[in-house]
PDB file of N, CA and C in Angstrom:
ATOM      1  N   MET A   1       2.236  27.322 -16.728  1.00  0.00           N
ATOM      2  CA  MET A   1       3.141  26.618 -16.879  1.00  0.00           C
ATOM      3  C   MET A   1       3.052  26.456 -18.812  1.00  0.00           C
ATOM      4  N   THR A   2       4.436  26.146 -19.015  1.00  0.00           N
ATOM      5  CA  THR A   2       4.044  25.840 -20.653  1.00  0.00           C
ATOM      6  C   THR A   2       4.158  24.820 -21.085  1.00  0.00           C
ATOM      7  N   SER A   3       3.166  24.640 -21.624  1.00  0.00           N
ATOM      8  CA  SER A   3       3.051  23.322 -21.733  1.00  0.00           C
ATOM      9  C   SER A   3       3.813  22.478 -23.465  1.00  0.00           C
ATOM     10  N   THR A   4       4.542  23.396 -23.889  1.00  0.00           N
ATOM     11  CA  THR A   4       4.951  22.993 -25.056  1.00  0.00           C
ATOM     12  C   THR A   4       6.279  22.457 -24.984  1.00  0.00           C
ATOM     13  N   ALA A   5       6.835  22.178 -23.866  1.00  0.00           N
ATOM     14  CA  ALA A   5       7.932  21.444 -23.410  1.00  0.00           C
ATOM     15  C   ALA A   5       8.445  20.315 -24.255  1.00  0.00           C
ATOM     16  N   THR A   6       9.998  20.623 -24.635  1.00  0.00           N
ATOM     17  CA  THR A   6      10.497  19.406 -25.420  1.00  0.00           C
ATOM     18  C   THR A   6      11.326  18.559 -24.377  1.00  0.00           C
ATOM     19  N   SER A   7      11.723  19.348 -22.985  1.00  0.00           N
ATOM     20  CA  SER A   7      12.636  18.872 -22.057  1.00  0.00           C
ATOM     21  C   SER A   7      12.127  19.408 -20.795  1.00  0.00           C
ATOM     22  N   ALA A   8      13.024  18.892 -19.523  1.00  0.00           N
ATOM     23  CA  ALA A   8      12.813  18.745 -18.294  1.00  0.00           C
ATOM     24  C   ALA A   8      13.134  20.460 -18.074  1.00  0.00           C
ATOM     25  N   GLU A   9      12.447  20.957 -17.221  1.00  0.00           N
ATOM     26  CA  GLU A   9      13.069  23.078 -16.948  1.00  0.00           C
ATOM     27  C   GLU A   9      14.130  22.400 -15.919  1.00  0.00           C
ATOM     28  N   THR A  10      14.950  23.562 -15.961  1.00  0.00           N
ATOM     29  CA  THR A  10      16.172  23.890 -15.294  1.00  0.00           C
ATOM     30  C   THR A  10      15.943  23.996 -13.939  1.00  0.00           C
ATOM     31  N   VAL A  11      17.115  23.736 -13.194  1.00  0.00           N
ATOM     32  CA  VAL A  11      16.983  24.253 -12.115  1.00  0.00           C
ATOM     33  C   VAL A  11      18.001  25.512 -11.498  1.00  0.00           C
ATOM     34  N   PRO A  12      17.583  26.461 -11.141  1.00  0.00           N
ATOM     35  CA  PRO A  12      16.682  26.618 -11.085  1.00  0.00           C
ATOM     36  C   PRO A  12      15.995  27.050 -12.574  1.00  0.00           C
ATOM     37  N   PRO A  13      14.363  27.419 -12.151  1.00  0.00           N
ATOM     38  CA  PRO A  13      14.080  27.586 -13.516  1.00  0.00           C
ATOM     39  C   PRO A  13      14.696  28.948 -13.981  1.00  0.00           C
ATOM     40  N   ALA A  14      14.442  28.760 -15.447  1.00  0.00           N
ATOM     41  CA  ALA A  14      15.093  30.415 -15.605  1.00  0.00           C
ATOM     42  C   ALA A  14      13.945  31.613 -15.846  1.00  0.00           C
ATOM     43  N   ASP A  15      12.633  31.754 -15.607  1.00  0.00           N
ATOM     44  CA  ASP A  15      11.598  32.183 -15.396  1.00  0.00           C
ATOM     45  C   ASP A  15      10.834  31.429 -14.619  1.00  0.00           C
ATOM     46  N   PRO A  16      10.455  31.584 -13.500  1.00  0.00           N
ATOM     47  CA  PRO A  16       9.591  30.911 -12.239  1.00  0.00           C
ATOM     48  C   PRO A  16       8.445  31.108 -13.071  1.00  0.00           C
ATOM     49  N   TYR A  17       7.965  31.898 -13.602  1.00  0.00           N
ATOM     50  CA  TYR A  17       6.413  32.803 -13.750  1.00  0.00           C
ATOM     51  C   TYR A  17       6.322  31.782 -15.654  1.00  0.00           C
ATOM     52  N   ALA A  18       7.170  30.775 -16.212  1.00  0.00           N
ATOM     53  CA  ALA A  18       7.034  30.322 -17.082  1.00  0.00           C
ATOM     54  C   ALA A  18       7.708  28.975 -17.253  1.00  0.00           C
ATOM     55  N   ILE A  19       7.181  27.944 -16.526  1.00  0.00           N
ATOM     56  CA  ILE A  19       7.642  27.123 -16.265  1.00  0.00           C
ATOM     57  C   ILE A  19       7.027  25.766 -17.269  1.00  0.00           C
ATOM     58  N   ARG A  20       8.769  25.002 -17.387  1.00  0.00           N
ATOM     59  CA  ARG A  20       7.996  24.236 -18.537  1.00  0.00           C
ATOM     60  C   ARG A  20       7.190  22.659 -18.070  1.00  0.00           C
ATOM     61  N   SER A  21       6.004  22.651 -18.934  1.00  0.00           N
ATOM     62  CA  SER A  21       5.625  21.001 -18.126  1.00  0.00           C
ATOM     63  C   SER A  21       4.982  20.351 -19.431  1.00  0.00           C
ATOM     64  N   PHE A  22       4.750  19.284 -19.132  1.00  0.00           N
ATOM     65  CA  PHE A  22       4.680  18.458 -20.013  1.00  0.00           C
ATOM     66  C   PHE A  22       2.967  17.896 -19.456  1.00  0.00           C
ATOM     67  N   VAL A  23       1.815  17.709 -20.710  1.00  0.00           N
ATOM     68  CA  VAL A  23       0.744  18.093 -20.537  1.00  0.00           C
ATOM     69  C   VAL A  23       0.605  15.939 -20.811  1.00  0.00           C
ATOM     70  N   LEU A  24      -0.664  15.562 -19.666  1.00  0.00           N
ATOM     71  CA  LEU A  24      -0.754  14.325 -19.075  1.00  0.00           C
ATOM     72  C   LEU A  24      -2.071  14.124 -19.998  1.00  0.00           C
ATOM     73  N   ASP A  25      -2.455  13.387 -21.137  1.00  0.00           N
ATOM     74  CA  ASP A  25      -3.751  13.585 -21.889  1.00  0.00           C
ATOM     75  C   ASP A  25      -4.222  11.785 -22.389  1.00  0.00           C
ATOM     76  N   ASN A  26      -4.577  11.859 -23.154  1.00  0.00           N
ATOM     77  CA  ASN A  26      -5.327  10.954 -23.932  1.00  0.00           C
ATOM     78  C   ASN A  26      -4.059  10.330 -24.893  1.00  0.00           C
ATOM     79  N   ASN A  27      -3.089  11.313 -25.194  1.00  0.00           N
ATOM     80  CA  ASN A  27      -2.235  10.192 -26.290  1.00  0.00           C
ATOM     81  C   ASN A  27      -1.071  10.376 -25.312  1.00  0.00           C
ATOM     82  N   SER A  28      -1.039  10.304 -24.026  1.00  0.00           N
ATOM     83  CA  SER A  28       0.255  10.178 -23.324  1.00  0.00           C
ATOM     84  C   SER A  28       0.900   8.671 -23.167  1.00  0.00           C
ATOM     85  N   VAL A  29       2.058   8.476 -23.735  1.00  0.00           N
ATOM     86  CA  VAL A  29       2.416   7.154 -24.060  1.00  0.00           C
ATOM     87  C   VAL A  29       3.238   6.913 -22.169  1.00  0.00           C
ATOM     88  N   LEU A  30       3.130   5.792 -21.819  1.00  0.00           N
ATOM     89  CA  LEU A  30       3.300   5.531 -20.455  1.00  0.00           C
ATOM     90  C   LEU A  30       5.130   4.867 -20.417  1.00  0.00           C
ATOM     91  N   ALA A  31       5.331   4.447 -21.768  1.00  0.00           N
ATOM     92  CA  ALA A  31       6.927   4.210 -21.850  1.00  0.00           C
ATOM     93  C   ALA A  31       7.385   5.728 -22.221  1.00  0.00           C
ATOM     94  N   SER A  32       7.097   6.592 -22.733  1.00  0.00           N
ATOM     95  CA  SER A  32       7.276   8.181 -22.848  1.00  0.00           C
ATOM     96  C   SER A  32       7.964   8.687 -21.901  1.00  0.00           C
ATOM     97  N   LEU A  33       6.817   8.784 -20.872  1.00  0.00           N
ATOM     98  CA  LEU A  33       6.490   9.568 -19.450  1.00  0.00           C
ATOM     99  C   LEU A  33       7.686   8.749 -18.654  1.00  0.00           C
ATOM    100  N   GLN A  34       7.799   7.463 -18.802  1.00  0.00           N
ATOM    101  CA  GLN A  34       8.971   6.992 -17.879  1.00  0.00           C
ATOM    102  C   GLN A  34      10.420   7.408 -18.406  1.00  0.00           C
ATOM    103  N   ALA A  35      10.416   7.571 -20.136  1.00  0.00           N
ATOM    104  CA  ALA A  35      11.668   7.743 -20.443  1.00  0.00           C
ATOM    105  C   ALA A  35      11.996   9.012 -20.038  1.00  0.00           C
ATOM    106  N   GLN A  36      11.028  10.192 -19.843  1.00  0.00           N
ATOM    107  CA  GLN A  36      11.082  11.899 -19.470  1.00  0.00           C
ATOM    108  C   GLN A  36      11.689  11.348 -17.483  1.00  0.00           C
ATOM    109  N   VAL A  37      11.340  10.290 -16.722  1.00  0.00           N
ATOM    110  CA  VAL A  37      11.804  10.686 -15.904  1.00  0.00           C
ATOM    111  C   VAL A  37      12.868   9.759 -15.267  1.00  0.00           C
ATOM    112  N   ASP A  38      13.499   9.038 -16.405  1.00  0.00           N
ATOM    113  CA  ASP A  38      14.853   8.674 -16.650  1.00  0.00           C
ATOM    114  C   ASP A  38      15.889   9.413 -16.518  1.00  0.00           C
ATOM    115  N   GLY A  39      15.082  10.096 -17.477  1.00  0.00           N
ATOM    116  CA  GLY A  39      15.852  11.299 -17.949  1.00  0.00           C
ATOM    117  C   GLY A  39      16.497  12.665 -16.958  1.00  0.00           C
ATOM    118  N   VAL A  40      15.595  12.680 -16.039  1.00  0.00           N
ATOM    119  CA  VAL A  40      15.765  13.641 -14.696  1.00  0.00           C
ATOM    120  C   VAL A  40      16.451  12.879 -13.757  1.00  0.00           C
ATOM    121  N   ALA A  41      16.146  11.612 -13.908  1.00  0.00           N
ATOM    122  CA  ALA A  41      17.169  10.720 -12.773  1.00  0.00           C
ATOM    123  C   ALA A  41      17.932  10.664 -13.169  1.00  0.00           C
ATOM    124  N   ASN A  42      18.860  10.642 -14.174  1.00  0.00           N
ATOM    125  CA  ASN A  42      20.218  10.483 -15.216  1.00  0.00           C
ATOM    126  C   ASN A  42      21.057  11.890 -14.681  1.00  0.00           C
ATOM    127  N   HIS A  43      20.230  12.910 -15.344  1.00  0.00           N
ATOM    128  CA  HIS A  43      20.765  14.298 -15.918  1.00  0.00           C
ATOM    129  C   HIS A  43      20.398  15.176 -14.969  1.00  0.00           C
ATOM    130  N   GLY A  44      19.609  14.998 -14.013  1.00  0.00           N
ATOM    131  CA  GLY A  44      18.951  16.353 -13.070  1.00  0.00           C
ATOM    132  C   GLY A  44      17.778  16.588 -13.807  1.00  0.00           C
ATOM    133  N   GLY A  45      17.750  18.215 -13.079  1.00  0.00           N
ATOM    134  CA  GLY A  45      16.280  18.899 -13.890  1.00  0.00           C
ATOM    135  C   GLY A  45      14.936  18.543 -13.077  1.00  0.00           C
ATOM    136  N   LEU A  46      14.046  19.387 -13.526  1.00  0.00           N
ATOM    137  CA  LEU A  46      12.799  19.653 -12.914  1.00  0.00           C
ATOM    138  C   LEU A  46      11.468  18.739 -14.112  1.00  0.00           C
ATOM    139  N   LEU A  47      10.823  17.697 -13.661  1.00  0.00           N
ATOM    140  CA  LEU A  47       9.907  17.250 -14.306  1.00  0.00           C
ATOM    141  C   LEU A  47       8.583  17.682 -14.009  1.00  0.00           C
ATOM    142  N   VAL A  48       7.663  18.632 -14.574  1.00  0.00           N
ATOM    143  CA  VAL A  48       6.391  18.983 -14.583  1.00  0.00           C
ATOM    144  C   VAL A  48       5.350  18.633 -15.373  1.00  0.00           C
ATOM    145  N   TYR A  49       4.486  17.640 -14.224  1.00  0.00           N
ATOM    146  CA  TYR A  49       3.430  16.979 -15.173  1.00  0.00           C
ATOM    147  C   TYR A  49       1.759  18.089 -15.065  1.00  0.00           C
ATOM    148  N   CYS A  50       1.487  18.103 -15.885  1.00  0.00           N
ATOM    149  CA  CYS A  50      -0.174  19.194 -15.320  1.00  0.00           C
ATOM    150  C   CYS A  50      -1.161  18.171 -16.440  1.00  0.00           C
ATOM    151  N   CYS A  51      -1.922  17.737 -15.634  1.00  0.00           N
ATOM    152  CA  CYS A  51      -3.160  17.287 -16.125  1.00  0.00           C
ATOM    153  C   CYS A  51      -4.618  17.386 -15.241  1.00  0.00           C
ATOM    154  N   HIS A  52      -5.481  17.665 -15.993  1.00  0.00           N
ATOM    155  CA  HIS A  52      -6.866  18.110 -15.628  1.00  0.00           C
ATOM    156  C   HIS A  52      -7.664  17.201 -15.039  1.00  0.00           C
ATOM    157  N   GLU A  53      -7.746  15.924 -15.750  1.00  0.00           N
ATOM    158  CA  GLU A  53      -8.833  14.924 -15.345  1.00  0.00           C
ATOM    159  C   GLU A  53      -8.342  13.291 -15.364  1.00  0.00           C
ATOM    160  N   ILE A  54      -8.424  12.618 -14.203  1.00  0.00           N
ATOM    161  CA  ILE A  54      -7.265  11.456 -14.491  1.00  0.00           C
ATOM    162  C   ILE A  54      -9.097  10.120 -14.309  1.00  0.00           C
ATOM    163  N   VAL A  55      -9.053   9.511 -15.328  1.00  0.00           N
ATOM    164  CA  VAL A  55     -10.026   8.852 -15.573  1.00  0.00           C
ATOM    165  C   VAL A  55     -10.153   7.505 -16.006  1.00  0.00           C
ATOM    166  N   THR A  56     -11.268   6.737 -16.005  1.00  0.00           N
ATOM    167  CA  THR A  56     -10.861   5.128 -16.224  1.00  0.00           C
ATOM    168  C   THR A  56     -10.460   4.928 -17.885  1.00  0.00           C
ATOM    169  N   SER A  57     -11.171   5.900 -18.727  1.00  0.00           N
ATOM    170  CA  SER A  57     -11.396   5.694 -20.157  1.00  0.00           C
ATOM    171  C   SER A  57     -11.095   7.213 -20.537  1.00  0.00           C
ATOM    172  N   PRO A  58      -9.793   7.681 -21.108  1.00  0.00           N
ATOM    173  CA  PRO A  58      -9.955   8.969 -21.817  1.00  0.00           C
ATOM    174  C   PRO A  58     -10.058   9.173 -22.726  1.00  0.00           C
ATOM    175  N   ALA A  59     -10.851   9.453 -22.921  1.00  0.00           N
ATOM    176  CA  ALA A  59     -11.183  10.144 -24.761  1.00  0.00           C
ATOM    177  C   ALA A  59     -10.950  11.343 -24.990  1.00  0.00           C
ATOM    178  N   SER A  60     -10.452  12.681 -24.255  1.00  0.00           N
ATOM    179  CA  SER A  60     -10.493  13.865 -24.495  1.00  0.00           C
ATOM    180  C   SER A  60      -9.141  14.370 -24.477  1.00  0.00           C
ATOM    181  N   SER A  61      -8.604  15.745 -24.987  1.00  0.00           N
ATOM    182  CA  SER A  61      -7.221  15.837 -24.569  1.00  0.00           C
ATOM    183  C   SER A  61      -7.362  16.396 -23.300  1.00  0.00           C
ATOM    184  N   THR A  62      -8.283  16.377 -22.479  1.00  0.00           N
ATOM    185  CA  THR A  62      -8.124  17.075 -21.117  1.00  0.00           C
ATOM    186  C   THR A  62      -8.042  15.776 -20.092  1.00  0.00           C
ATOM    187  N   GLN A  63      -7.995  14.752 -20.705  1.00  0.00           N
ATOM    188  CA  GLN A  63      -8.102  13.274 -19.370  1.00  0.00           C
ATOM    189  C   GLN A  63      -7.063  12.847 -19.441  1.00  0.00           C
ATOM    190  N   PHE A  64      -6.385  11.793 -18.573  1.00  0.00           N
ATOM    191  CA  PHE A  64      -5.343  10.659 -18.716  1.00  0.00           C
ATOM    192  C   PHE A  64      -6.049   9.487 -17.719  1.00  0.00           C
ATOM    193  N   SER A  65      -5.083   8.538 -18.452  1.00  0.00           N
ATOM    194  CA  SER A  65      -6.015   7.255 -17.541  1.00  0.00           C
ATOM    195  C   SER A  65      -5.249   6.876 -16.009  1.00  0.00           C
ATOM    196  N   ILE A  66      -6.155   6.540 -15.336  1.00  0.00           N
ATOM    197  CA  ILE A  66      -6.007   6.175 -13.855  1.00  0.00           C
ATOM    198  C   ILE A  66      -4.908   5.224 -14.233  1.00  0.00           C
ATOM    199  N   ALA A  67      -5.248   4.085 -15.055  1.00  0.00           N
ATOM    200  CA  ALA A  67      -4.313   3.115 -14.865  1.00  0.00           C
ATOM    201  C   ALA A  67      -2.759   3.844 -15.322  1.00  0.00           C
ATOM    202  N   ASN A  68      -2.651   4.447 -15.935  1.00  0.00           N
ATOM    203  CA  ASN A  68      -1.226   5.368 -16.730  1.00  0.00           C
ATOM    204  C   ASN A  68      -0.781   5.774 -15.676  1.00  0.00           C
ATOM    205  N   HIS A  69      -1.430   6.748 -14.829  1.00  0.00           N
ATOM    206  CA  HIS A  69      -1.331   7.486 -14.046  1.00  0.00           C
ATOM    207  C   HIS A  69      -0.769   6.566 -12.525  1.00  0.00           C
ATOM    208  N   ALA A  70      -1.487   5.621 -12.075  1.00  0.00           N
ATOM    209  CA  ALA A  70      -0.639   4.694 -11.188  1.00  0.00           C
ATOM    210  C   ALA A  70       0.366   4.153 -11.566  1.00  0.00           C
ATOM    211  N   ALA A  71       0.436   4.294 -13.147  1.00  0.00           N
ATOM    212  CA  ALA A  71       1.738   3.089 -13.128  1.00  0.00           C
ATOM    213  C   ALA A  71       2.968   4.059 -13.314  1.00  0.00           C
ATOM    214  N   LEU A  72       2.970   5.530 -13.664  1.00  0.00           N
ATOM    215  CA  LEU A  72       3.218   6.638 -13.378  1.00  0.00           C
ATOM    216  C   LEU A  72       4.172   6.429 -12.126  1.00  0.00           C
ATOM    217  N   VAL A  73       3.366   6.765 -11.289  1.00  0.00           N
ATOM    218  CA  VAL A  73       3.395   7.293  -9.551  1.00  0.00           C
ATOM    219  C   VAL A  73       3.908   6.057  -9.388  1.00  0.00           C
ATOM    220  N   ASP A  74       4.127   4.587  -9.676  1.00  0.00           N
ATOM    221  CA  ASP A  74       4.885   3.621  -9.332  1.00  0.00           C
ATOM    222  C   ASP A  74       5.804   3.808  -9.510  1.00  0.00           C
ATOM    223  N   TYR A  75       6.660   3.944 -10.882  1.00  0.00           N
ATOM    224  CA  TYR A  75       7.611   3.953 -11.724  1.00  0.00           C
ATOM    225  C   TYR A  75       8.250   5.023 -10.839  1.00  0.00           C
ATOM    226  N   VAL A  76       8.073   6.219 -10.754  1.00  0.00           N
ATOM    227  CA  VAL A  76       9.078   7.108  -9.500  1.00  0.00           C
ATOM    228  C   VAL A  76       8.922   6.928  -8.444  1.00  0.00           C
ATOM    229  N   ALA A  77       8.155   6.030  -8.034  1.00  0.00           N
ATOM    230  CA  ALA A  77       8.208   5.999  -6.504  1.00  0.00           C
ATOM    231  C   ALA A  77       9.423   4.636  -6.621  1.00  0.00           C
ATOM    232  N   GLY A  78       9.812   4.052  -7.928  1.00  0.00           N
ATOM    233  CA  GLY A  78      10.731   2.729  -7.929  1.00  0.00           C
ATOM    234  C   GLY A  78      12.314   3.622  -8.079  1.00  0.00           C
ATOM    235  N   LYS A  79      12.037   4.823  -8.163  1.00  0.00           N
ATOM    236  CA  LYS A  79      13.282   5.287  -8.867  1.00  0.00           C
ATOM    237  C   LYS A  79      14.557   6.201  -7.686  1.00  0.00           C
ATOM    238  N   SER A  80      15.759   5.831  -7.411  1.00  0.00           N
ATOM    239  CA  SER A  80      16.185   6.373  -6.653  1.00  0.00           C
ATOM    240  C   SER A  80      16.691   7.443  -6.361  1.00  0.00           C
ATOM    241  N   GLY A  81      16.433   8.465  -5.465  1.00  0.00           N
ATOM    242  CA  GLY A  81      17.686   9.529  -5.761  1.00  0.00           C
ATOM    243  C   GLY A  81      16.793  10.942  -6.452  1.00  0.00           C
ATOM    244  N   ILE A  82      14.999  10.456  -6.464  1.00  0.00           N
ATOM    245  CA  ILE A  82      14.183  11.685  -7.201  1.00  0.00           C
ATOM    246  C   ILE A  82      13.077  11.877  -5.993  1.00  0.00           C
ATOM    247  N   ARG A  83      13.137  13.339  -5.959  1.00  0.00           N
ATOM    248  CA  ARG A  83      12.339  14.012  -4.631  1.00  0.00           C
ATOM    249  C   ARG A  83      10.671  14.573  -5.458  1.00  0.00           C
ATOM    250  N   VAL A  84      10.041  14.315  -5.002  1.00  0.00           N
ATOM    251  CA  VAL A  84       8.366  14.379  -5.456  1.00  0.00           C
ATOM    252  C   VAL A  84       7.627  15.703  -5.064  1.00  0.00           C
ATOM    253  N   LEU A  85       7.905  16.767  -5.147  1.00  0.00           N
ATOM    254  CA  LEU A  85       7.183  18.156  -4.100  1.00  0.00           C
ATOM    255  C   LEU A  85       6.318  18.694  -5.162  1.00  0.00           C
ATOM    256  N   THR A  86       5.275  19.190  -4.760  1.00  0.00           N
ATOM    257  CA  THR A  86       4.729  20.212  -5.509  1.00  0.00           C
ATOM    258  C   THR A  86       5.634  21.331  -6.010  1.00  0.00           C
ATOM    259  N   LEU A  87       5.054  22.037  -6.922  1.00  0.00           N
ATOM    260  CA  LEU A  87       5.866  23.054  -7.989  1.00  0.00           C
ATOM    261  C   LEU A  87       5.977  24.281  -6.768  1.00  0.00           C
ATOM    262  N   GLY A  88       5.140  24.348  -5.828  1.00  0.00           N
ATOM    263  CA  GLY A  88       4.984  25.399  -5.150  1.00  0.00           C
ATOM    264  C   GLY A  88       6.374  25.586  -4.085  1.00  0.00           C
ATOM    265  N   ASP A  89       6.459  24.304  -3.601  1.00  0.00           N
ATOM    266  CA  ASP A  89       7.781  23.381  -2.769  1.00  0.00           C
ATOM    267  C   ASP A  89       9.093  24.012  -3.358  1.00  0.00           C
ATOM    268  N   VAL A  90       8.823  22.957  -4.285  1.00  0.00           N
ATOM    269  CA  VAL A  90      10.147  23.441  -5.073  1.00  0.00           C
ATOM    270  C   VAL A  90      10.568  24.952  -5.120  1.00  0.00           C
ATOM    271  N   LEU A  91       9.587  25.623  -5.816  1.00  0.00           N
ATOM    272  CA  LEU A  91      10.221  27.392  -5.867  1.00  0.00           C
ATOM    273  C   LEU A  91      10.549  27.853  -4.469  1.00  0.00           C
ATOM    274  N   ARG A  92       9.715  27.356  -3.809  1.00  0.00           N
ATOM    275  CA  ARG A  92      10.151  27.828  -1.986  1.00  0.00           C
ATOM    276  C   ARG A  92      11.866  27.472  -1.589  1.00  0.00           C
ATOM    277  N   SER A  93      11.935  26.372  -1.955  1.00  0.00           N
ATOM    278  CA  SER A  93      13.098  25.708  -1.712  1.00  0.00           C
ATOM    279  C   SER A  93      14.098  26.287  -2.392  1.00  0.00           C
ATOM    280  N   LEU A  94      14.320  26.371  -3.721  1.00  0.00           N
ATOM    281  CA  LEU A  94      15.028  27.135  -4.171  1.00  0.00           C
ATOM    282  C   LEU A  94      15.288  28.582  -3.969  1.00  0.00           C
ATOM    283  N   ILE A  95      14.389  29.348  -3.542  1.00  0.00           N
ATOM    284  CA  ILE A  95      14.556  30.486  -2.776  1.00  0.00           C
ATOM    285  C   ILE A  95      15.458  30.595  -1.642  1.00  0.00           C
ATOM    286  N   THR A  96      15.267  29.858  -0.597  1.00  0.00           N
ATOM    287  CA  THR A  96      15.646  29.552   0.875  1.00  0.00           C
ATOM    288  C   THR A  96      17.152  28.727   0.497  1.00  0.00           C
ATOM    289  N   GLN A  97      17.805  28.669  -1.068  1.00  0.00           N
ATOM    290  CA  GLN A  97      18.871  28.098  -0.982  1.00  0.00           C
ATOM    291  C   GLN A  97      20.162  28.928  -1.138  1.00  0.00           C
TER     292      GLN A  97
END
């Protein structure tokens, strides 16, 4: 995954071996993540988040807040028309189309 993404991945991905992704870390801002979700909901695409550790009080670039994770999951769950799949399931579904 390429963590320098500035936009959502296209569907199908131009290069399935270099998927654009957003890193969830101690500097992630919930409002910005929600805006990314809104963008995909409104315009389509594939939004991939990568996170290494989900902790109570994130202190390093490999950690993301439990509270922000829960809020992001709730936000996505409240959006109609968005499917949540593993990356493997997304790529498999594109192959069978």
